[in-house]
Amino acid sequence: SCIDITNSHCQVLPYNLTTRVSVLSVLRSSETEKFLKFFSYLHRLSCYQHIMMFGCSLALPKCINDGDDSRVHLPCRSFCEAAKEGCEPVLEMVNSSWPEFLKCSQFKNSTDNDTSSAVCFSPQQAKEK
């Protein structure tokens, strides 16, 4: 079931429901803060306009109540690729690299432009709100 987003880092998100279950196995709730700190660091480096939204959409993925079910939308692969493209060079400057657990190939791409059946979350959806 979906729950309200209360994390102050993530007010950039265009939605306000997320899921209790961490979708990324790497994220236990104690690590969510640390994970989001990493993204606020990247945000301060302004390597990608929507980097905070990307981090938040991973830590607190969009949850959609669907009758008795709820569906979760992770960020789209194209969203991940844009974030990586912007921020990887900056990370390399500090002898770091794009984290392995964020490899973009694990994310789906939106197969069609029909937003009613979107399978993933992207910054374009934020504009539609």
Protein backbone atom coordinates (compact mmCIF):
# COMPACT_ATOMS: atom_id res chain seq x y z
CA SER A 1 0.00 0.00 0.00
CA CYS A 2 1.11 3.55 -0.64
CA ILE A 3 2.23 5.93 2.09
CA ASP A 4 2.78 9.70 2.20
CA ILE A 5 6.22 11.08 1.47
CA THR A 6 7.48 13.00 4.46
CA ASN A 7 11.16 13.31 3.59
CA SER A 8 12.18 16.96 3.43
CA HIS A 9 14.87 16.31 0.78
CA CYS A 10 12.23 15.08 -1.58
CA GLN A 11 9.79 17.93 -1.85
CA VAL A 12 10.96 18.26 -5.46
CA LEU A 13 8.93 15.20 -6.36
CA PRO A 14 5.74 15.88 -8.34
CA TYR A 15 3.93 13.09 -6.49
CA ASN A 16 3.32 12.52 -2.79
CA LEU A 17 2.79 8.78 -2.41
CA THR A 18 5.54 6.21 -2.13
CA THR A 19 5.81 2.63 -0.99
CA ARG A 20 6.87 1.15 2.33
CA VAL A 21 8.92 -1.50 0.63
CA SER A 22 12.33 -0.45 -0.56
CA VAL A 23 12.50 -1.35 -4.22
CA LEU A 24 16.25 -1.06 -4.39
CA SER A 25 17.53 -3.88 -2.24
CA VAL A 26 20.52 -1.69 -1.36
CA LEU A 27 18.30 0.76 0.46
CA ARG A 28 17.26 -0.02 3.96
CA SER A 29 15.50 2.84 5.63
CA SER A 30 18.58 3.70 7.69
CA GLU A 31 20.45 4.11 4.43
CA THR A 32 17.85 6.24 2.71
CA GLU A 33 19.17 9.33 4.49
CA LYS A 34 22.75 8.54 3.49
CA PHE A 35 21.65 7.83 -0.06
CA LEU A 36 19.80 11.15 -0.27
CA LYS A 37 22.80 12.98 1.20
CA PHE A 38 24.83 11.65 -1.72
CA PHE A 39 22.27 13.11 -4.09
CA SER A 40 22.12 16.45 -2.30
CA TYR A 41 25.91 16.56 -2.66
CA LEU A 42 25.53 15.98 -6.41
CA HIS A 43 22.76 18.57 -6.43
CA ARG A 44 25.11 21.15 -4.92
CA LEU A 45 27.59 20.38 -7.69
CA SER A 46 24.75 21.07 -10.14
CA CYS A 47 25.84 18.32 -12.50
CA TYR A 48 22.29 17.58 -13.62
CA GLN A 49 19.19 19.71 -13.32
CA HIS A 50 16.96 16.89 -12.03
CA ILE A 51 19.52 14.98 -9.96
CA MET A 52 17.62 15.40 -6.70
CA MET A 53 14.41 14.24 -8.36
CA PHE A 54 16.27 11.20 -9.68
CA GLY A 55 17.64 10.29 -6.25
CA CYS A 56 14.27 10.78 -4.63
CA SER A 57 12.44 8.77 -7.27
CA LEU A 58 14.77 5.89 -6.39
CA ALA A 59 14.61 6.24 -2.63
CA LEU A 60 10.90 7.04 -2.61
CA PRO A 61 9.48 5.64 -5.84
CA LYS A 62 6.12 6.80 -7.09
CA CYS A 63 3.33 4.59 -5.77
CA ILE A 64 -0.03 4.30 -7.48
CA ASN A 65 -3.01 2.82 -5.68
CA ASP A 66 -4.76 0.50 -8.07
CA GLY A 67 -7.80 -0.95 -6.38
CA ASP A 68 -6.48 -3.46 -3.88
CA ASP A 69 -3.08 -3.36 -5.48
CA SER A 70 -0.48 -0.69 -5.64
CA ARG A 71 2.04 -0.24 -8.41
CA VAL A 72 5.45 1.32 -8.12
CA HIS A 73 7.17 3.38 -10.81
CA LEU A 74 10.95 3.48 -10.71
CA PRO A 75 12.83 6.10 -12.72
CA CYS A 76 13.03 5.47 -16.47
CA ARG A 77 16.27 4.24 -17.99
CA SER A 78 16.54 7.47 -20.00
CA PHE A 79 16.23 9.46 -16.73
CA CYS A 80 19.04 7.39 -15.21
CA GLU A 81 21.20 7.85 -18.30
CA ALA A 82 20.73 11.62 -18.26
CA ALA A 83 21.65 11.76 -14.56
CA LYS A 84 24.69 9.55 -15.09
CA GLU A 85 25.83 11.48 -18.13
CA GLY A 86 25.68 14.75 -16.19
CA CYS A 87 27.17 13.59 -12.92
CA GLU A 88 29.64 10.83 -13.70
CA PRO A 89 32.34 13.28 -14.94
CA VAL A 90 31.96 15.26 -11.71
CA LEU A 91 32.28 12.09 -9.63
CA GLU A 92 35.38 11.10 -11.59
CA MET A 93 36.99 14.41 -10.63
CA VAL A 94 36.84 13.31 -7.01
CA ASN A 95 38.11 9.80 -7.83
CA SER A 96 34.69 8.33 -7.60
CA SER A 97 32.39 6.83 -10.18
CA TRP A 98 28.71 6.27 -10.85
CA PRO A 99 27.63 3.68 -8.24
CA GLU A 100 27.35 0.13 -9.56
CA PHE A 101 23.94 -0.38 -7.94
CA LEU A 102 22.60 2.49 -10.04
CA LYS A 103 23.48 0.95 -13.37
CA CYS A 104 20.92 2.25 -15.80
CA SER A 105 20.35 -1.06 -17.58
CA GLN A 106 18.27 -2.26 -14.62
CA PHE A 107 15.61 0.38 -15.30
CA LYS A 108 12.84 0.14 -17.87
CA ASN A 109 12.15 2.66 -20.52
CA SER A 110 8.71 4.01 -21.08
CA THR A 111 7.60 1.92 -24.03
CA ASP A 112 5.07 4.40 -25.34
CA ASN A 113 3.93 7.93 -24.75
CA ASP A 114 0.62 6.93 -23.30
CA THR A 115 1.00 8.37 -19.82
CA SER A 116 -1.88 6.32 -18.46
CA SER A 117 0.22 3.20 -18.84
CA ALA A 118 3.58 4.68 -17.96
CA VAL A 119 5.84 2.06 -16.46
CA CYS A 120 8.49 4.38 -15.15
CA PHE A 121 8.98 7.89 -13.86
CA SER A 122 10.73 10.71 -15.71
CA PRO A 123 11.08 14.49 -15.30
CA GLN A 124 8.67 14.98 -18.21
CA GLN A 125 5.90 13.67 -15.97
CA ALA A 126 6.74 16.37 -13.46
CA LYS A 127 5.98 19.00 -16.08
CA GLU A 128 2.59 17.51 -16.82
CA LYS A 129 1.38 18.17 -13.31
